[in-house]
Protein backbone atom coordinates (compact mmCIF):
# COMPACT_ATOMS: atom_id res chain seq x y z
CA MET A 1 0.00 0.00 0.00
CA ALA A 2 1.17 3.53 -0.76
CA ASP A 3 2.30 5.72 2.11
CA TYR A 4 -0.35 8.32 1.27
CA GLN A 5 -3.81 8.05 -0.24
CA LEU A 6 -5.48 11.09 -1.74
CA TYR A 7 -9.24 11.18 -2.25
CA CYS A 8 -9.46 13.29 -5.37
CA PHE A 9 -10.67 13.72 -8.94
CA GLY A 10 -8.88 15.21 -11.90
CA GLU A 11 -11.00 18.31 -12.28
CA SER A 12 -10.31 19.40 -8.70
CA GLY A 13 -7.65 22.09 -8.54
CA ASN A 14 -7.58 21.79 -4.77
CA SER A 15 -6.77 18.10 -5.15
CA TYR A 16 -4.10 18.97 -7.70
CA LYS A 17 -2.30 21.21 -5.21
CA VAL A 18 -1.71 18.21 -2.96
CA ALA A 19 -1.14 15.67 -5.74
CA LEU A 20 1.52 17.90 -7.29
CA MET A 21 3.33 18.39 -4.00
CA LEU A 22 3.31 14.66 -3.28
CA THR A 23 4.69 14.03 -6.76
CA LEU A 24 7.46 16.64 -6.62
CA CYS A 25 8.44 15.38 -3.17
CA GLY A 26 8.83 11.89 -4.62
CA ALA A 27 6.32 10.53 -2.12
CA HIS A 28 4.74 7.10 -2.57
CA TRP A 29 1.06 7.95 -2.99
CA GLU A 30 -2.04 6.82 -4.83
CA PRO A 31 -5.24 8.56 -5.90
CA LYS A 32 -8.56 7.38 -4.47
CA PRO A 33 -11.07 8.55 -7.09
CA VAL A 34 -14.19 10.32 -5.86
CA ASP A 35 -17.22 10.47 -8.17
CA PHE A 36 -17.83 14.11 -7.35
CA PHE A 37 -20.12 14.94 -10.26
CA ASN A 38 -22.53 12.18 -9.27
CA GLY A 39 -22.64 13.30 -5.66
CA GLU A 40 -20.33 10.82 -3.92
CA SER A 41 -18.68 13.46 -1.73
CA ARG A 42 -22.08 14.64 -0.52
CA SER A 43 -23.34 11.18 0.33
CA GLU A 44 -24.00 10.15 3.92
CA THR A 45 -21.40 7.39 3.60
CA TYR A 46 -18.69 9.79 2.47
CA ARG A 47 -19.58 12.36 5.12
CA SER A 48 -19.59 9.78 7.90
CA GLU A 49 -16.53 7.78 6.81
CA ILE A 50 -14.28 10.17 4.87
CA ASN A 51 -15.01 13.87 5.41
CA GLU A 52 -17.90 15.34 7.38
CA MET A 53 -17.55 18.54 5.33
CA GLY A 54 -18.50 16.66 2.17
CA GLU A 55 -15.46 18.01 0.34
CA VAL A 56 -12.54 16.81 -1.76
CA PRO A 57 -9.57 16.36 -1.34
CA VAL A 58 -8.84 14.22 1.71
CA LEU A 59 -5.33 13.02 2.49
CA VAL A 60 -4.86 9.77 4.40
CA ASP A 61 -1.57 9.01 6.14
CA ASP A 62 -1.43 5.82 8.21
CA GLY A 63 -5.12 6.07 9.06
CA ARG A 64 -5.05 9.80 9.82
CA LYS A 65 -7.42 11.78 7.61
CA LEU A 66 -6.62 15.39 6.79
CA THR A 67 -9.02 17.80 5.11
CA GLN A 68 -8.54 21.25 3.56
CA SER A 69 -5.74 21.48 1.01
CA GLY A 70 -3.83 24.17 2.91
CA VAL A 71 -3.65 21.96 5.98
CA MET A 72 -2.44 19.07 3.84
CA LEU A 73 0.30 21.18 2.25
CA GLU A 74 1.54 22.35 5.64
CA TYR A 75 1.40 18.79 6.99
CA LEU A 76 3.38 17.41 4.05
CA ALA A 77 5.99 20.17 4.30
CA SER A 78 6.55 19.15 7.91
CA ASN A 79 6.44 15.40 7.26
CA LEU A 80 8.56 15.36 4.12
CA GLY A 81 10.88 18.23 4.94
CA LYS A 82 10.38 20.00 1.61
CA PHE A 83 8.83 23.24 0.35
CA GLY A 84 8.31 24.66 3.83
CA TRP A 85 9.95 27.46 5.81
CA ASP A 86 13.22 27.86 7.64
CA ASN A 87 12.15 30.56 10.10
CA ASP A 88 9.13 32.48 11.36
CA ASP A 89 9.47 35.26 8.80
CA GLU A 90 9.31 32.73 5.96
CA ARG A 91 6.39 30.95 7.61
CA HIS A 92 4.42 34.18 7.92
CA ASP A 93 5.02 35.10 4.28
CA ILE A 94 3.99 31.65 3.09
CA LEU A 95 0.83 31.72 5.19
CA ARG A 96 -0.23 35.20 4.12
CA TRP A 97 -0.22 34.09 0.47
CA MET A 98 -2.02 30.85 1.29
CA TYR A 99 -4.73 32.77 3.14
CA PHE A 100 -4.98 35.20 0.23
CA ASP A 101 -5.33 32.22 -2.07
CA ASN A 102 -8.13 30.68 -0.03
CA HIS A 103 -10.08 33.93 0.24
CA LYS A 104 -9.39 35.72 -3.01
CA PHE A 105 -7.55 33.67 -5.64
CA THR A 106 -8.64 30.04 -5.77
CA SER A 107 -12.04 30.84 -4.30
CA TYR A 108 -13.17 33.07 -7.16
CA ASN A 109 -11.29 31.33 -9.97
CA ALA A 110 -12.57 27.91 -8.96
CA THR A 111 -16.19 29.03 -8.59
CA LEU A 112 -16.16 30.87 -11.92
CA ARG A 113 -14.66 27.83 -13.66
CA PHE A 114 -17.21 25.49 -12.09
CA MET A 115 -20.16 27.57 -13.22
CA LEU A 116 -18.94 28.13 -16.78
CA THR A 117 -17.24 24.81 -17.54
CA PHE A 118 -19.28 22.29 -15.58
CA MET A 119 -22.61 23.95 -14.78
CA LYS A 120 -22.55 25.59 -18.23
CA THR A 121 -24.48 28.59 -16.99
CA GLY A 122 -23.22 30.92 -19.70
CA GLU A 123 -22.69 34.53 -18.76
CA THR A 124 -24.84 35.69 -15.87
CA PRO A 125 -24.63 38.53 -13.37
CA VAL A 126 -23.06 36.03 -10.98
CA THR A 127 -20.28 35.00 -13.40
CA GLU A 128 -19.63 38.65 -14.20
CA PHE A 129 -19.22 39.37 -10.49
CA LEU A 130 -16.95 36.35 -10.01
CA ARG A 131 -14.82 37.28 -13.03
CA GLY A 132 -14.31 40.77 -11.68
CA ARG A 133 -13.13 39.37 -8.35
CA ALA A 134 -10.98 36.72 -10.01
CA GLU A 135 -9.31 39.24 -12.32
CA ALA A 136 -8.60 41.60 -9.41
CA ALA A 137 -6.84 38.78 -7.55
CA MET A 138 -4.99 37.71 -10.70
CA GLN A 139 -3.68 41.25 -11.15
CA ILE A 140 -2.27 41.25 -7.61
CA VAL A 141 -0.50 37.93 -8.16
CA ASP A 142 0.76 38.90 -11.61
CA LYS A 143 2.20 42.18 -10.30
CA HIS A 144 3.91 40.37 -7.40
CA LEU A 145 5.43 37.81 -9.77
CA GLY A 146 6.83 40.62 -11.89
CA ALA A 147 9.41 41.10 -9.15
CA HIS A 148 9.65 37.57 -7.74
CA ASP A 149 10.23 34.13 -9.24
CA PHE A 150 8.00 32.47 -6.65
CA MET A 151 5.15 33.63 -4.46
CA ALA A 152 6.56 33.74 -0.93
CA LEU A 153 10.23 32.80 -0.91
CA ASP A 154 13.13 32.83 -3.36
CA ARG A 155 12.37 29.16 -3.96
CA LEU A 156 9.37 26.94 -4.56
CA SER A 157 7.19 26.61 -1.46
CA ILE A 158 3.75 25.43 -0.42
CA ALA A 159 2.49 28.95 -1.16
CA ASP A 160 3.15 28.23 -4.85
CA PHE A 161 1.38 24.88 -4.70
CA SER A 162 -1.60 26.60 -3.10
CA LEU A 163 -1.96 29.35 -5.70
CA ILE A 164 -1.05 27.29 -8.76
CA GLY A 165 -3.83 24.74 -8.27
CA TYR A 166 -6.16 26.02 -10.99
CA MET A 167 -3.62 27.60 -13.32
CA PHE A 168 -2.97 24.43 -15.35
CA TYR A 169 -6.57 23.98 -16.52
CA ASP A 170 -6.09 25.63 -19.90
CA GLY A 171 -9.30 26.50 -21.68
CA GLU A 172 -11.43 25.81 -18.61
CA LEU A 173 -10.95 29.05 -16.67
CA GLY A 174 -13.22 32.01 -17.11
CA VAL A 175 -10.24 34.37 -17.41
CA ASP A 176 -7.62 34.65 -20.14
CA LEU A 177 -4.21 33.75 -18.76
CA ASN A 178 -2.57 35.51 -21.69
CA ASP A 179 -3.47 38.75 -19.92
CA TYR A 180 -1.12 37.75 -17.08
CA PRO A 181 2.37 37.14 -18.52
CA ASN A 182 4.06 36.91 -15.13
CA ILE A 183 1.66 34.19 -14.03
CA LEU A 184 2.41 32.30 -17.23
CA ALA A 185 6.16 32.61 -16.61
CA TRP A 186 5.69 31.39 -13.02
CA ARG A 187 3.62 28.50 -14.28
CA GLU A 188 6.46 27.61 -16.66
CA ARG A 189 8.97 27.66 -13.80
CA ILE A 190 6.81 25.22 -11.86
CA SER A 191 6.14 22.92 -14.82
CA SER A 192 9.90 22.80 -15.41
CA GLN A 193 10.44 21.14 -12.03
CA PRO A 194 11.75 17.54 -12.32
CA GLY A 195 8.84 15.12 -12.22
CA TRP A 196 6.12 17.70 -12.88
CA LYS A 197 2.82 16.41 -14.26
CA GLY A 198 -0.47 18.11 -15.04
CA PRO A 199 -3.69 17.48 -13.12
CA TYR A 200 -5.18 14.99 -15.57
CA ASP A 201 -1.93 13.03 -15.59
CA LEU A 202 -1.96 12.64 -11.82
CA MET A 203 -5.66 12.08 -11.11
CA PRO A 204 -8.56 10.42 -12.94
CA ARG A 205 -10.62 12.71 -15.10
CA GLN A 206 -14.40 12.59 -14.91
CA ALA A 207 -17.21 13.88 -17.07
CA PRO A 208 -20.02 15.87 -15.45
CA ALA A 209 -23.25 13.95 -15.05
CA GLY A 210 -25.68 14.54 -17.90
């Protein structure tokens, strides 16, 4: 059995954050596919046995179940001794970008993508609002990356894994990445890491129900 099991599905950028870190750390892990689009993560069985929040991903390490991708990234940095911080100043800078990601970057990008790509809502006042918020966050990240190779430190860290989660879903986002050249260059630096793979190479892809 693999050292780590990750409940995930290919379309989940939050799952990809953790899958990518496990991969670049050279960890022995395996995906545990979740049929998200047919409601598995919201089932009573999943909520009672896997994650009471009804969310994906979930990381399992020797029977311990961890939820929330940011928690998993921090846990893996500690366990595997990679992509973490060396002192409190580095820790604080990593965490401020991870919190920004959770509140402003992934949150709006992921919701916009879900509505347009999987719910197929077309343009609505809601998607217009989400795009405005997503683009505002993208501009902040793009400007920061104009002066830095990576998000928090002078090297790859869990802050990068957190923010990059949805940036490899070309053609599925509701924003045009070509408008953000520094994000594209950052994405290239990450994809150039030895062992890098895209989300659909690491986790099983699903098709939305219907």
